């Protein structure tokens, strides 16, 4: 069985709602659809998070 390293299909990117950490020192974020809370806290530093929109690869 051989693995191909040839050109791959580009993954479409879409505007996605994400929760982003409000702490200046933390880069934490998560897709809104992966959160189980209506207002989650950052899993890395436990700060508040706010909704924002990012362009990310589409997950099906």
PDB file of N, CA and C in Angstrom:
ATOM      1  N   UNK A   1       0.849  -1.181   0.000  1.00  0.00           N
ATOM      2  CA  UNK A   1       0.000   0.000   0.000  1.00  0.00           C
ATOM      3  C   UNK A   1       0.895   1.245   0.000  1.00  0.00           C
ATOM      4  N   UNK A   2       0.682   2.129  -0.938  1.00  0.00           N
ATOM      5  CA  UNK A   2       1.506   3.331  -1.066  1.00  0.00           C
ATOM      6  C   UNK A   2       0.693   4.562  -0.671  1.00  0.00           C
ATOM      7  N   UNK A   3       1.386   5.523  -0.095  1.00  0.00           N
ATOM      8  CA  UNK A   3       0.739   6.780   0.266  1.00  0.00           C
ATOM      9  C   UNK A   3       1.096   7.820  -0.778  1.00  0.00           C
ATOM     10  N   UNK A   4       0.101   8.530  -1.257  1.00  0.00           N
ATOM     11  CA  UNK A   4       0.323   9.548  -2.281  1.00  0.00           C
ATOM     12  C   UNK A   4       0.652  10.882  -1.635  1.00  0.00           C
ATOM     13  N   UNK A   5       1.676  11.530  -2.109  1.00  0.00           N
ATOM     14  CA  UNK A   5       2.023  12.868  -1.631  1.00  0.00           C
ATOM     15  C   UNK A   5       1.749  13.896  -2.716  1.00  0.00           C
ATOM     16  N   UNK A   6       0.919  13.527  -3.662  1.00  0.00           N
ATOM     17  CA  UNK A   6       0.576  14.431  -4.752  1.00  0.00           C
ATOM     18  C   UNK A   6      -0.301  15.568  -4.267  1.00  0.00           C
ATOM     19  N   UNK A   7      -0.682  16.452  -5.188  1.00  0.00           N
ATOM     20  CA  UNK A   7      -1.521  17.597  -4.805  1.00  0.00           C
ATOM     21  C   UNK A   7      -2.844  17.134  -4.193  1.00  0.00           C
ATOM     22  N   UNK A   8      -3.240  17.824  -3.135  1.00  0.00           N
ATOM     23  CA  UNK A   8      -4.494  17.499  -2.458  1.00  0.00           C
ATOM     24  C   UNK A   8      -5.543  18.528  -2.813  1.00  0.00           C
ATOM     25  N   UNK A   9      -6.788  18.116  -2.690  1.00  0.00           N
ATOM     26  CA  UNK A   9      -7.890  19.054  -2.920  1.00  0.00           C
ATOM     27  C   UNK A   9      -7.860  20.133  -1.862  1.00  0.00           C
ATOM     28  N   UNK A  10      -8.022  21.395  -2.263  1.00  0.00           N
ATOM     29  CA  UNK A  10      -8.062  22.451  -1.236  1.00  0.00           C
ATOM     30  C   UNK A  10      -9.314  22.311  -0.366  1.00  0.00           C
ATOM     31  N   UNK A  11      -9.142  22.557   0.919  1.00  0.00           N
ATOM     32  CA  UNK A  11     -10.262  22.489   1.854  1.00  0.00           C
ATOM     33  C   UNK A  11     -10.968  23.847   1.822  1.00  0.00           C
ATOM     34  N   UNK A  12     -12.278  23.854   1.540  1.00  0.00           N
ATOM     35  CA  UNK A  12     -12.982  25.142   1.512  1.00  0.00           C
ATOM     36  C   UNK A  12     -12.989  25.804   2.884  1.00  0.00           C
ATOM     37  N   UNK A  13     -12.846  27.118   2.889  1.00  0.00           N
ATOM     38  CA  UNK A  13     -12.883  27.871   4.135  1.00  0.00           C
ATOM     39  C   UNK A  13     -14.189  28.643   4.220  1.00  0.00           C
ATOM     40  N   UNK A  14     -14.755  28.703   5.418  1.00  0.00           N
ATOM     41  CA  UNK A  14     -16.037  29.374   5.632  1.00  0.00           C
ATOM     42  C   UNK A  14     -15.958  30.255   6.867  1.00  0.00           C
ATOM     43  N   UNK A  15     -16.805  31.279   6.908  1.00  0.00           N
ATOM     44  CA  UNK A  15     -16.908  32.101   8.111  1.00  0.00           C
ATOM     45  C   UNK A  15     -17.528  31.253   9.210  1.00  0.00           C
ATOM     46  N   UNK A  16     -16.885  31.227  10.361  1.00  0.00           N
ATOM     47  CA  UNK A  16     -17.277  30.340  11.452  1.00  0.00           C
ATOM     48  C   UNK A  16     -17.345  31.132  12.752  1.00  0.00           C
ATOM     49  N   UNK A  17     -18.425  30.954  13.515  1.00  0.00           N
ATOM     50  CA  UNK A  17     -18.531  31.575  14.836  1.00  0.00           C
ATOM     51  C   UNK A  17     -17.624  30.823  15.798  1.00  0.00           C
ATOM     52  N   UNK A  18     -16.787  31.575  16.524  1.00  0.00           N
ATOM     53  CA  UNK A  18     -15.904  30.966  17.511  1.00  0.00           C
ATOM     54  C   UNK A  18     -15.979  31.740  18.812  1.00  0.00           C
ATOM     55  N   UNK A  19     -15.681  31.050  19.903  1.00  0.00           N
ATOM     56  CA  UNK A  19     -15.484  31.689  21.201  1.00  0.00           C
ATOM     57  C   UNK A  19     -14.003  31.963  21.311  1.00  0.00           C
ATOM     58  N   UNK A  20     -13.626  33.199  21.616  1.00  0.00           N
ATOM     59  CA  UNK A  20     -12.234  33.612  21.724  1.00  0.00           C
ATOM     60  C   UNK A  20     -11.964  34.122  23.137  1.00  0.00           C
ATOM     61  N   UNK A  21     -10.826  33.708  23.698  1.00  0.00           N
ATOM     62  CA  UNK A  21     -10.463  34.126  25.048  1.00  0.00           C
ATOM     63  C   UNK A  21     -10.237  35.637  25.094  1.00  0.00           C
ATOM     64  N   UNK A  22     -10.707  36.281  26.161  1.00  0.00           N
ATOM     65  CA  UNK A  22     -10.559  37.732  26.307  1.00  0.00           C
ATOM     66  C   UNK A  22      -9.247  38.129  26.967  1.00  0.00           C
ATOM     67  N   UNK A  23      -8.483  37.157  27.466  1.00  0.00           N
ATOM     68  CA  UNK A  23      -7.209  37.457  28.122  1.00  0.00           C
ATOM     69  C   UNK A  23      -6.151  37.819  27.084  1.00  0.00           C
ATOM     70  N   UNK A  24      -5.406  38.892  27.340  1.00  0.00           N
ATOM     71  CA  UNK A  24      -4.338  39.342  26.432  1.00  0.00           C
ATOM     72  C   UNK A  24      -3.222  38.289  26.306  1.00  0.00           C
ATOM     73  N   UNK A  25      -2.973  37.532  27.368  1.00  0.00           N
ATOM     74  CA  UNK A  25      -1.868  36.575  27.383  1.00  0.00           C
ATOM     75  C   UNK A  25      -2.241  35.217  26.784  1.00  0.00           C
ATOM     76  N   UNK A  26      -3.513  34.976  26.508  1.00  0.00           N
ATOM     77  CA  UNK A  26      -3.972  33.652  26.070  1.00  0.00           C
ATOM     78  C   UNK A  26      -4.451  33.698  24.618  1.00  0.00           C
ATOM     79  N   UNK A  27      -4.148  32.666  23.872  1.00  0.00           N
ATOM     80  CA  UNK A  27      -4.581  32.554  22.474  1.00  0.00           C
ATOM     81  C   UNK A  27      -5.730  31.550  22.317  1.00  0.00           C
ATOM     82  N   UNK A  28      -6.373  31.162  23.426  1.00  0.00           N
ATOM     83  CA  UNK A  28      -7.404  30.135  23.385  1.00  0.00           C
ATOM     84  C   UNK A  28      -8.638  30.534  22.575  1.00  0.00           C
ATOM     85  N   UNK A  29      -9.182  29.573  21.839  1.00  0.00           N
ATOM     86  CA  UNK A  29     -10.430  29.772  21.120  1.00  0.00           C
ATOM     87  C   UNK A  29     -11.022  28.400  20.812  1.00  0.00           C
ATOM     88  N   UNK A  30     -12.322  28.360  20.515  1.00  0.00           N
ATOM     89  CA  UNK A  30     -12.988  27.115  20.107  1.00  0.00           C
ATOM     90  C   UNK A  30     -14.170  27.456  19.214  1.00  0.00           C
ATOM     91  N   UNK A  31     -14.490  26.541  18.329  1.00  0.00           N
ATOM     92  CA  UNK A  31     -15.659  26.725  17.469  1.00  0.00           C
ATOM     93  C   UNK A  31     -16.906  26.748  18.351  1.00  0.00           C
ATOM     94  N   UNK A  32     -17.831  27.635  18.027  1.00  0.00           N
ATOM     95  CA  UNK A  32     -19.067  27.747  18.811  1.00  0.00           C
ATOM     96  C   UNK A  32     -19.809  26.419  18.809  1.00  0.00           C
ATOM     97  N   UNK A  33     -19.810  25.718  17.691  1.00  0.00           N
ATOM     98  CA  UNK A  33     -20.544  24.458  17.595  1.00  0.00           C
ATOM     99  C   UNK A  33     -19.919  23.345  18.440  1.00  0.00           C
ATOM    100  N   UNK A  34     -18.686  23.532  18.925  1.00  0.00           N
ATOM    101  CA  UNK A  34     -18.037  22.529  19.766  1.00  0.00           C
ATOM    102  C   UNK A  34     -18.166  22.837  21.246  1.00  0.00           C
ATOM    103  N   UNK A  35     -18.837  23.927  21.590  1.00  0.00           N
ATOM    104  CA  UNK A  35     -19.009  24.314  22.982  1.00  0.00           C
ATOM    105  C   UNK A  35     -20.311  23.739  23.529  1.00  0.00           C
ATOM    106  N   UNK A  36     -20.270  23.264  24.754  1.00  0.00           N
ATOM    107  CA  UNK A  36     -21.467  22.712  25.387  1.00  0.00           C
ATOM    108  C   UNK A  36     -22.141  23.720  26.302  1.00  0.00           C
ATOM    109  N   UNK A  37     -21.541  24.905  26.473  1.00  0.00           N
ATOM    110  CA  UNK A  37     -22.090  25.930  27.355  1.00  0.00           C
ATOM    111  C   UNK A  37     -22.534  27.125  26.526  1.00  0.00           C
ATOM    112  N   UNK A  38     -23.514  27.866  27.038  1.00  0.00           N
ATOM    113  CA  UNK A  38     -23.963  29.051  26.322  1.00  0.00           C
ATOM    114  C   UNK A  38     -22.959  30.189  26.440  1.00  0.00           C
ATOM    115  N   UNK A  39     -22.211  30.251  27.534  1.00  0.00           N
ATOM    116  CA  UNK A  39     -21.137  31.230  27.708  1.00  0.00           C
ATOM    117  C   UNK A  39     -19.956  30.517  28.365  1.00  0.00           C
ATOM    118  N   UNK A  40     -19.112  29.875  27.551  1.00  0.00           N
ATOM    119  CA  UNK A  40     -18.027  29.071  28.129  1.00  0.00           C
ATOM    120  C   UNK A  40     -16.908  29.937  28.707  1.00  0.00           C
ATOM    121  N   UNK A  41     -16.100  29.316  29.569  1.00  0.00           N
ATOM    122  CA  UNK A  41     -14.873  29.953  30.030  1.00  0.00           C
ATOM    123  C   UNK A  41     -13.727  29.272  29.296  1.00  0.00           C
ATOM    124  N   UNK A  42     -12.624  29.965  29.160  1.00  0.00           N
ATOM    125  CA  UNK A  42     -11.470  29.444  28.427  1.00  0.00           C
ATOM    126  C   UNK A  42     -10.962  28.165  29.101  1.00  0.00           C
ATOM    127  N   UNK A  43     -10.828  27.081  28.352  1.00  0.00           N
ATOM    128  CA  UNK A  43     -10.332  25.833  28.947  1.00  0.00           C
ATOM    129  C   UNK A  43      -8.849  25.906  29.309  1.00  0.00           C
ATOM    130  N   UNK A  44      -8.133  26.904  28.773  1.00  0.00           N
ATOM    131  CA  UNK A  44      -6.696  27.022  29.045  1.00  0.00           C
ATOM    132  C   UNK A  44      -6.398  27.883  30.267  1.00  0.00           C
ATOM    133  N   UNK A  45      -7.057  29.062  30.364  1.00  0.00           N
ATOM    134  CA  UNK A  45      -6.726  29.984  31.465  1.00  0.00           C
ATOM    135  C   UNK A  45      -7.944  30.350  32.321  1.00  0.00           C
ATOM    136  N   UNK A  46      -9.128  29.861  31.958  1.00  0.00           N
ATOM    137  CA  UNK A  46     -10.380  30.066  32.701  1.00  0.00           C
ATOM    138  C   UNK A  46     -10.885  31.505  32.690  1.00  0.00           C
ATOM    139  N   UNK A  47     -10.437  32.315  31.710  1.00  0.00           N
ATOM    140  CA  UNK A  47     -10.963  33.674  31.546  1.00  0.00           C
ATOM    141  C   UNK A  47     -12.278  33.627  30.792  1.00  0.00           C
ATOM    142  N   UNK A  48     -12.966  34.770  30.733  1.00  0.00           N
ATOM    143  CA  UNK A  48     -14.189  34.862  29.951  1.00  0.00           C
ATOM    144  C   UNK A  48     -13.851  34.735  28.466  1.00  0.00           C
ATOM    145  N   UNK A  49     -14.852  34.345  27.683  1.00  0.00           N
ATOM    146  CA  UNK A  49     -14.680  34.243  26.238  1.00  0.00           C
ATOM    147  C   UNK A  49     -15.757  35.084  25.563  1.00  0.00           C
ATOM    148  N   UNK A  50     -15.471  35.559  24.337  1.00  0.00           N
ATOM    149  CA  UNK A  50     -16.446  36.338  23.589  1.00  0.00           C
ATOM    150  C   UNK A  50     -16.582  35.768  22.189  1.00  0.00           C
ATOM    151  N   UNK A  51     -17.769  35.945  21.616  1.00  0.00           N
ATOM    152  CA  UNK A  51     -18.021  35.444  20.264  1.00  0.00           C
ATOM    153  C   UNK A  51     -17.350  36.334  19.232  1.00  0.00           C
ATOM    154  N   UNK A  52     -16.774  35.707  18.207  1.00  0.00           N
ATOM    155  CA  UNK A  52     -16.252  36.425  17.059  1.00  0.00           C
ATOM    156  C   UNK A  52     -16.351  35.503  15.846  1.00  0.00           C
ATOM    157  N   UNK A  53     -16.090  36.042  14.671  1.00  0.00           N
ATOM    158  CA  UNK A  53     -16.167  35.273  13.442  1.00  0.00           C
ATOM    159  C   UNK A  53     -14.763  35.157  12.864  1.00  0.00           C
ATOM    160  N   UNK A  54     -14.384  33.924  12.479  1.00  0.00           N
ATOM    161  CA  UNK A  54     -13.093  33.669  11.835  1.00  0.00           C
ATOM    162  C   UNK A  54     -13.336  32.861  10.557  1.00  0.00           C
ATOM    163  N   UNK A  55     -12.441  32.996   9.607  1.00  0.00           N
ATOM    164  CA  UNK A  55     -12.512  32.188   8.404  1.00  0.00           C
ATOM    165  C   UNK A  55     -11.633  30.966   8.650  1.00  0.00           C
ATOM    166  N   UNK A  56     -12.288  29.773   8.714  1.00  0.00           N
ATOM    167  CA  UNK A  56     -11.608  28.533   9.058  1.00  0.00           C
ATOM    168  C   UNK A  56     -11.949  27.448   8.039  1.00  0.00           C
ATOM    169  N   UNK A  57     -11.119  26.395   7.973  1.00  0.00           N
ATOM    170  CA  UNK A  57     -11.465  25.261   7.112  1.00  0.00           C
ATOM    171  C   UNK A  57     -12.809  24.668   7.526  1.00  0.00           C
ATOM    172  N   UNK A  58     -13.591  24.309   6.544  1.00  0.00           N
ATOM    173  CA  UNK A  58     -14.923  23.740   6.803  1.00  0.00           C
ATOM    174  C   UNK A  58     -14.778  22.331   7.364  1.00  0.00           C
ATOM    175  N   UNK A  59     -15.580  22.040   8.381  1.00  0.00           N
ATOM    176  CA  UNK A  59     -15.637  20.684   8.959  1.00  0.00           C
ATOM    177  C   UNK A  59     -17.005  20.124   8.630  1.00  0.00           C
ATOM    178  N   UNK A  60     -16.991  18.933   8.072  1.00  0.00           N
ATOM    179  CA  UNK A  60     -18.268  18.304   7.691  1.00  0.00           C
ATOM    180  C   UNK A  60     -18.653  17.213   8.635  1.00  0.00           C
TER     181      UNK A  60
END
